[in-house]
Amino acid sequence: MSEINFNIIVSQANIYVSNINRLLKGIKSEVLANLIYFDNKDIIITTNKAIAASDLNVTKKYIKTLNNTNSNNVINSWLPQSK
């Protein structure tokens, strides 16, 4: 993610968590976003449950539609992988 996108999202993270939760409720998901935090220019969204692919798509589409973000720099979402 570009530094410009990162700064935009950092400044209003609490609003974005609320909006993501509203969108997830709209698709009747039981998943809720708890927190957005940042690690080396990556955005990490924690949730109350394991998330499905449809839930990932909702969050990705929301991040891409934010005002003043360059959607070309938003990479695909993925679930954490453990070995």
N, C-alpha and C. Protein backbone atom coordinates (compact mmCIF):
# COMPACT_ATOMS: atom_id res chain seq x y z
N MET A 1 0.85 -1.17 0.00
CA MET A 1 0.00 0.00 0.00
C MET A 1 0.89 1.23 0.00
N SER A 2 0.50 2.22 -0.75
CA SER A 2 1.30 3.43 -0.84
C SER A 2 1.22 4.23 0.46
N GLU A 3 2.21 5.08 0.67
CA GLU A 3 2.25 5.89 1.89
C GLU A 3 1.05 6.84 1.97
N ILE A 4 0.63 7.36 0.83
CA ILE A 4 -0.53 8.26 0.81
C ILE A 4 -1.79 7.52 1.28
N ASN A 5 -2.04 6.33 0.74
CA ASN A 5 -3.18 5.53 1.16
C ASN A 5 -3.09 5.20 2.64
N PHE A 6 -1.91 4.84 3.08
CA PHE A 6 -1.68 4.49 4.48
C PHE A 6 -2.08 5.66 5.39
N ASN A 7 -1.63 6.86 5.08
CA ASN A 7 -1.92 8.02 5.91
C ASN A 7 -3.41 8.36 5.93
N ILE A 8 -4.08 8.17 4.81
CA ILE A 8 -5.52 8.42 4.75
C ILE A 8 -6.25 7.47 5.68
N ILE A 9 -5.91 6.22 5.64
CA ILE A 9 -6.60 5.21 6.45
C ILE A 9 -6.26 5.35 7.92
N VAL A 10 -5.03 5.67 8.26
CA VAL A 10 -4.63 5.85 9.66
C VAL A 10 -5.45 6.96 10.30
N SER A 11 -5.68 8.03 9.58
CA SER A 11 -6.33 9.20 10.16
C SER A 11 -7.79 8.95 10.56
N GLN A 12 -8.44 7.96 9.94
CA GLN A 12 -9.85 7.73 10.23
C GLN A 12 -10.17 6.25 10.47
N ALA A 13 -9.27 5.53 11.09
CA ALA A 13 -9.42 4.09 11.28
C ALA A 13 -10.69 3.73 12.05
N ASN A 14 -11.03 4.49 13.08
CA ASN A 14 -12.21 4.15 13.88
C ASN A 14 -13.50 4.25 13.05
N ILE A 15 -13.57 5.20 12.15
CA ILE A 15 -14.74 5.33 11.28
C ILE A 15 -14.80 4.15 10.32
N TYR A 16 -13.66 3.74 9.81
CA TYR A 16 -13.62 2.63 8.86
C TYR A 16 -14.03 1.31 9.49
N VAL A 17 -13.67 1.07 10.76
CA VAL A 17 -14.11 -0.15 11.45
C VAL A 17 -15.63 -0.17 11.53
N SER A 18 -16.23 0.95 11.90
CA SER A 18 -17.69 1.03 11.99
C SER A 18 -18.34 0.77 10.64
N ASN A 19 -17.79 1.34 9.59
CA ASN A 19 -18.35 1.15 8.24
C ASN A 19 -18.20 -0.28 7.76
N ILE A 20 -17.06 -0.89 8.03
CA ILE A 20 -16.86 -2.30 7.65
C ILE A 20 -17.87 -3.18 8.36
N ASN A 21 -18.09 -2.93 9.65
CA ASN A 21 -19.07 -3.71 10.41
C ASN A 21 -20.48 -3.55 9.85
N ARG A 22 -20.83 -2.34 9.44
CA ARG A 22 -22.14 -2.09 8.85
C ARG A 22 -22.30 -2.89 7.55
N LEU A 23 -21.24 -2.90 6.73
CA LEU A 23 -21.29 -3.66 5.47
C LEU A 23 -21.38 -5.16 5.72
N LEU A 24 -20.65 -5.64 6.71
CA LEU A 24 -20.70 -7.07 7.03
C LEU A 24 -22.08 -7.47 7.54
N LYS A 25 -22.70 -6.63 8.33
CA LYS A 25 -24.07 -6.91 8.78
C LYS A 25 -25.03 -6.91 7.60
N GLY A 26 -24.75 -6.07 6.60
CA GLY A 26 -25.59 -6.00 5.41
C GLY A 26 -25.62 -7.29 4.61
N ILE A 27 -24.54 -8.07 4.69
CA ILE A 27 -24.53 -9.37 4.00
C ILE A 27 -24.82 -10.51 4.96
N LYS A 28 -25.34 -10.14 6.14
CA LYS A 28 -25.74 -11.09 7.18
C LYS A 28 -24.58 -11.95 7.69
N SER A 29 -23.41 -11.35 7.78
CA SER A 29 -22.24 -12.03 8.31
C SER A 29 -22.23 -11.91 9.83
N GLU A 30 -21.75 -12.95 10.49
CA GLU A 30 -21.60 -12.90 11.94
C GLU A 30 -20.23 -12.35 12.34
N VAL A 31 -19.42 -12.04 11.37
CA VAL A 31 -18.08 -11.52 11.62
C VAL A 31 -18.16 -10.01 11.85
N LEU A 32 -17.41 -9.53 12.83
CA LEU A 32 -17.30 -8.10 13.10
C LEU A 32 -15.83 -7.72 13.16
N ALA A 33 -15.51 -6.59 12.58
CA ALA A 33 -14.14 -6.07 12.68
C ALA A 33 -13.97 -5.47 14.06
N ASN A 34 -12.85 -5.77 14.71
CA ASN A 34 -12.58 -5.24 16.04
C ASN A 34 -11.62 -4.07 16.01
N LEU A 35 -10.62 -4.16 15.14
CA LEU A 35 -9.52 -3.23 15.21
C LEU A 35 -8.81 -3.17 13.86
N ILE A 36 -8.36 -2.00 13.50
CA ILE A 36 -7.46 -1.85 12.35
C ILE A 36 -6.14 -1.38 12.91
N TYR A 37 -5.07 -2.10 12.59
CA TYR A 37 -3.75 -1.62 12.97
C TYR A 37 -2.80 -1.77 11.80
N PHE A 38 -1.66 -1.19 11.94
CA PHE A 38 -0.75 -1.03 10.82
C PHE A 38 0.61 -1.60 11.17
N ASP A 39 1.20 -2.30 10.21
CA ASP A 39 2.51 -2.92 10.40
C ASP A 39 3.30 -2.77 9.10
N ASN A 40 4.32 -1.94 9.13
CA ASN A 40 5.16 -1.72 7.95
C ASN A 40 4.36 -1.42 6.69
N LYS A 41 3.47 -0.47 6.80
CA LYS A 41 2.65 0.00 5.68
C LYS A 41 1.58 -1.00 5.23
N ASP A 42 1.37 -2.07 5.98
CA ASP A 42 0.28 -3.01 5.71
C ASP A 42 -0.85 -2.71 6.68
N ILE A 43 -2.06 -2.88 6.22
CA ILE A 43 -3.22 -2.69 7.08
C ILE A 43 -3.70 -4.06 7.52
N ILE A 44 -3.88 -4.23 8.82
CA ILE A 44 -4.34 -5.49 9.37
C ILE A 44 -5.66 -5.22 10.08
N ILE A 45 -6.68 -5.98 9.70
CA ILE A 45 -8.00 -5.84 10.32
C ILE A 45 -8.26 -7.11 11.12
N THR A 46 -8.44 -6.96 12.43
CA THR A 46 -8.74 -8.12 13.27
C THR A 46 -10.25 -8.26 13.38
N THR A 47 -10.69 -9.52 13.48
CA THR A 47 -12.13 -9.81 13.56
C THR A 47 -12.42 -10.72 14.73
N ASN A 48 -13.70 -10.84 15.07
CA ASN A 48 -14.11 -11.67 16.20
C ASN A 48 -14.16 -13.16 15.86
N LYS A 49 -14.20 -13.51 14.59
CA LYS A 49 -14.28 -14.91 14.14
C LYS A 49 -13.42 -15.08 12.89
N ALA A 50 -13.23 -16.34 12.53
CA ALA A 50 -12.57 -16.61 11.26
C ALA A 50 -13.45 -16.06 10.15
N ILE A 51 -12.82 -15.48 9.16
CA ILE A 51 -13.54 -14.75 8.12
C ILE A 51 -13.63 -15.60 6.85
N ALA A 52 -14.74 -15.47 6.16
CA ALA A 52 -14.95 -16.19 4.90
C ALA A 52 -14.50 -15.33 3.72
N ALA A 53 -14.38 -15.96 2.56
CA ALA A 53 -13.94 -15.23 1.36
C ALA A 53 -14.89 -14.09 1.02
N SER A 54 -16.17 -14.27 1.20
CA SER A 54 -17.13 -13.20 0.90
C SER A 54 -16.91 -12.00 1.82
N ASP A 55 -16.56 -12.26 3.07
CA ASP A 55 -16.27 -11.18 4.01
C ASP A 55 -15.00 -10.43 3.60
N LEU A 56 -14.01 -11.16 3.11
CA LEU A 56 -12.78 -10.53 2.63
C LEU A 56 -13.08 -9.61 1.45
N ASN A 57 -13.94 -10.06 0.57
CA ASN A 57 -14.29 -9.25 -0.60
C ASN A 57 -14.99 -7.96 -0.19
N VAL A 58 -15.84 -8.02 0.81
CA VAL A 58 -16.54 -6.82 1.30
C VAL A 58 -15.53 -5.81 1.81
N THR A 59 -14.57 -6.26 2.61
CA THR A 59 -13.59 -5.32 3.17
C THR A 59 -12.69 -4.76 2.07
N LYS A 60 -12.29 -5.59 1.12
CA LYS A 60 -11.44 -5.11 0.03
C LYS A 60 -12.15 -4.06 -0.81
N LYS A 61 -13.40 -4.32 -1.17
CA LYS A 61 -14.16 -3.36 -1.95
C LYS A 61 -14.33 -2.05 -1.20
N TYR A 62 -14.55 -2.13 0.10
CA TYR A 62 -14.72 -0.92 0.90
C TYR A 62 -13.43 -0.09 0.91
N ILE A 63 -12.30 -0.73 1.15
CA ILE A 63 -11.02 -0.01 1.18
C ILE A 63 -10.74 0.62 -0.19
N LYS A 64 -11.07 -0.08 -1.26
CA LYS A 64 -10.84 0.46 -2.61
C LYS A 64 -11.71 1.67 -2.92
N THR A 65 -12.88 1.78 -2.28
CA THR A 65 -13.79 2.89 -2.59
C THR A 65 -13.59 4.10 -1.70
N LEU A 66 -12.65 4.06 -0.77
CA LEU A 66 -12.43 5.21 0.10
C LEU A 66 -11.99 6.41 -0.71
N ASN A 67 -12.44 7.58 -0.33
CA ASN A 67 -12.06 8.81 -1.02
C ASN A 67 -10.55 9.02 -0.94
N ASN A 68 -10.00 9.48 -2.02
CA ASN A 68 -8.59 9.86 -2.11
C ASN A 68 -7.61 8.69 -2.01
N THR A 69 -8.07 7.46 -2.11
CA THR A 69 -7.12 6.34 -2.14
C THR A 69 -6.92 5.91 -3.58
N ASN A 70 -5.74 5.43 -3.86
CA ASN A 70 -5.43 4.93 -5.20
C ASN A 70 -5.73 3.44 -5.19
N SER A 71 -6.83 3.04 -5.80
CA SER A 71 -7.26 1.64 -5.75
C SER A 71 -6.29 0.69 -6.45
N ASN A 72 -5.43 1.21 -7.31
CA ASN A 72 -4.44 0.35 -7.96
C ASN A 72 -3.39 -0.16 -6.99
N ASN A 73 -3.21 0.53 -5.87
CA ASN A 73 -2.22 0.13 -4.89
C ASN A 73 -2.77 -0.76 -3.79
N VAL A 74 -4.06 -1.07 -3.83
CA VAL A 74 -4.66 -1.95 -2.83
C VAL A 74 -4.48 -3.38 -3.30
N ILE A 75 -3.77 -4.17 -2.52
CA ILE A 75 -3.53 -5.56 -2.89
C ILE A 75 -4.63 -6.44 -2.32
N ASN A 76 -4.69 -7.66 -2.80
CA ASN A 76 -5.71 -8.58 -2.35
C ASN A 76 -5.57 -8.91 -0.87
N SER A 77 -6.72 -9.17 -0.26
CA SER A 77 -6.77 -9.58 1.13
C SER A 77 -6.45 -11.07 1.20
N TRP A 78 -6.01 -11.50 2.35
CA TRP A 78 -5.79 -12.93 2.54
C TRP A 78 -5.86 -13.27 4.01
N LEU A 79 -6.12 -14.53 4.28
CA LEU A 79 -6.16 -15.02 5.64
C LEU A 79 -4.76 -15.35 6.10
N PRO A 80 -4.50 -15.22 7.40
CA PRO A 80 -3.16 -15.59 7.90
C PRO A 80 -2.91 -17.08 7.65
N GLN A 81 -1.68 -17.40 7.33
CA GLN A 81 -1.31 -18.78 7.07
C GLN A 81 -0.34 -19.24 8.16
N SER A 82 -0.60 -20.41 8.71
CA SER A 82 0.32 -20.98 9.70
C SER A 82 0.75 -22.36 9.24
N LYS A 83 1.92 -22.75 9.69
CA LYS A 83 2.44 -24.05 9.28
C LYS A 83 2.34 -25.02 10.42
